[in-house]
Structure formats: C-alpha cells, structure tokens
Protein backbone atom coordinates (compact mmCIF):
# COMPACT_ATOMS: atom_id res chain seq x y z
CA GLN A 1 2.93 -15.80 10.27
CA VAL A 2 1.22 -14.24 7.28
CA GLN A 3 3.38 -13.40 4.29
CA VAL A 4 2.81 -10.62 1.78
CA VAL A 5 4.20 -9.96 -1.68
CA GLU A 6 3.96 -6.47 -3.15
CA SER A 7 4.05 -5.64 -6.83
CA GLY A 8 3.11 -2.90 -9.27
CA GLY A 9 5.71 -0.28 -8.48
CA GLY A 10 7.61 1.56 -11.14
CA LEU A 11 8.72 4.87 -12.56
CA VAL A 12 6.10 7.46 -13.43
CA GLN A 13 5.99 11.17 -14.10
CA ALA A 14 4.36 13.59 -11.71
CA GLY A 15 0.62 13.55 -12.18
CA GLY A 16 0.60 9.95 -13.26
CA SER A 17 -0.91 6.90 -11.62
CA LEU A 18 0.16 3.54 -10.29
CA ARG A 19 -1.78 0.62 -8.87
CA LEU A 20 0.02 -1.48 -6.30
CA SER A 21 -1.01 -5.03 -5.55
CA CYS A 22 -0.42 -7.16 -2.49
CA ALA A 23 -0.85 -10.91 -2.37
CA VAL A 24 -1.52 -12.21 1.12
CA SER A 25 -0.77 -15.78 2.17
CA ARG A 26 -3.50 -15.91 4.78
CA SER A 27 -6.36 -18.09 3.60
CA VAL A 28 -8.99 -15.59 4.64
CA ILE A 29 -8.31 -11.87 5.01
CA SER A 30 -11.85 -10.60 5.41
CA GLY A 31 -11.53 -10.52 9.18
CA ILE A 32 -8.29 -8.58 9.51
CA ALA A 33 -7.07 -5.09 8.81
CA MET A 34 -4.74 -4.45 5.89
CA ALA A 35 -2.51 -1.46 5.46
CA TRP A 36 0.00 0.19 3.17
CA TYR A 37 3.14 1.83 4.50
CA ARG A 38 5.97 3.60 2.75
CA GLN A 39 9.53 4.57 3.49
CA ALA A 40 11.52 7.18 1.65
CA PRO A 41 15.33 7.34 1.80
CA GLY A 42 16.48 8.79 5.10
CA LYS A 43 12.99 8.81 6.55
CA LEU A 44 10.99 6.61 8.87
CA ARG A 45 8.44 4.15 7.61
CA GLU A 46 5.02 5.78 7.71
CA LEU A 47 1.46 4.61 7.46
CA VAL A 48 -0.18 5.56 4.18
CA ALA A 49 -3.58 3.90 4.31
CA ILE A 50 -5.42 1.26 6.26
CA SER A 51 -8.52 -0.80 5.57
CA THR A 52 -10.19 -2.31 8.61
CA SER A 53 -12.04 -5.60 8.72
CA GLY A 54 -15.23 -3.62 9.04
CA GLY A 55 -14.66 -1.82 5.77
CA ASN A 56 -13.52 1.53 7.14
CA THR A 57 -10.55 3.28 5.59
CA ASN A 58 -8.15 5.92 6.83
CA TYR A 59 -5.45 7.80 4.98
CA ARG A 60 -2.43 9.86 5.73
CA GLU A 61 -3.35 13.50 5.27
CA SER A 62 -0.88 14.05 2.46
CA VAL A 63 -2.48 11.35 0.28
CA LYS A 64 -6.16 11.96 0.98
CA GLY A 65 -8.13 12.37 -2.19
CA ARG A 66 -5.34 10.87 -4.28
CA PHE A 67 -4.84 7.34 -2.94
CA THR A 68 -7.42 4.61 -2.47
CA ILE A 69 -6.93 1.36 -0.59
CA SER A 70 -9.15 -1.53 -1.57
CA ARG A 71 -9.29 -5.25 -1.08
CA ASP A 72 -10.55 -8.35 -2.82
CA ASN A 73 -11.09 -10.83 -0.04
CA ALA A 74 -11.92 -13.64 -2.46
CA LYS A 75 -8.49 -13.26 -4.05
CA ASN A 76 -6.64 -12.56 -0.79
CA ALA A 77 -5.39 -9.35 -2.32
CA VAL A 78 -5.06 -5.72 -1.32
CA TYR A 79 -4.56 -2.78 -3.65
CA LEU A 80 -3.44 0.80 -3.48
CA GLN A 81 -4.55 3.02 -6.33
CA MET A 82 -2.34 6.08 -6.48
CA ASN A 83 -3.38 9.02 -8.62
CA SER A 84 -1.95 12.50 -9.12
CA LEU A 85 1.43 11.28 -7.97
CA LYS A 86 3.99 13.76 -6.71
CA PRO A 87 7.77 13.46 -6.42
CA GLU A 88 7.38 13.39 -2.65
CA ASP A 89 5.45 10.13 -3.02
CA THR A 90 8.68 8.44 -4.08
CA ALA A 91 9.33 5.61 -1.64
CA VAL A 92 9.36 1.89 -1.13
CA TYR A 93 5.79 0.84 -0.44
CA TYR A 94 4.97 -2.03 1.89
CA CYS A 95 1.82 -4.02 2.40
CA HIS A 96 1.19 -5.13 5.96
CA ALA A 97 -1.41 -6.88 8.07
CA PRO A 98 -1.02 -5.37 11.53
CA GLY A 99 -0.54 -8.06 14.13
CA TYR A 100 -0.35 -10.84 11.56
CA SER A 101 2.13 -10.43 8.73
CA SER A 102 5.86 -10.05 8.50
CA TRP A 103 7.33 -7.28 6.36
CA GLY A 104 7.83 -8.06 2.71
CA GLN A 105 10.43 -6.66 0.36
CA GLY A 106 8.22 -3.78 -0.70
CA THR A 107 7.88 -2.27 -4.15
CA GLN A 108 9.68 0.83 -5.33
CA ASP A 109 7.68 3.78 -6.61
CA THR A 110 9.62 6.59 -8.21
CA VAL A 111 7.87 9.76 -9.31
CA SER A 112 9.82 12.13 -11.50
CA SER A 113 9.07 15.79 -11.98
C-alpha cells in the first residue's frame, strides 16, 4: 500500500494561486499514474487532474487552463499548481495513485471572494 501526504493548502482570495504538494511513499513513482481529486462540502469527490506514467495529463473541464499537475519522480512528489482560483474551487484536495495508494487526509483549500 502506497501512502500519500498532501500539503500546501490554505486560504486565498479569488484570483490568487496555490501550489499543492504530495509526498508519495512509493520508492519509484515514474511508472504509475498520479492524480489529484477534490471534495467540496455536500458534494462527491471528483477527479481534478491526472498525470499518466507516459507523461500525458488530463484535467477536469472546469480547471483547464488554470491548474497544472506535475511530478518530480526523483523526489517522489506530485504537485498541483492552481492559478486564477475561484470560490467554487474551495474543497479538500486529495492526492492519489490509482490502484496503488490509500486516501490521505487531504489539504483544505479555501478561496474567498
């Protein structure tokens, strides 16, 4: 079981930016997909972005052009750069390795208007 630890969340104003970090316990992550999910109060957890082992990325339509998922395989880390944040981006964000990791505690992002 791979473990993840998210960090970097916080309170920002609309239009601001945050960079989330995810530390992955797996010794080598270059060969697996990594993803970011989020869950807002009263809503289902949803996929935000995913980075495949082959280097391809996909994003939820509502965050395209604003969010960027990246990874540093040497550091076993995954990042989510979030720009032009909107109040509707407010949620707990989770890092996840589909098929490998358990769910971590997430990190809270709050965007105020």
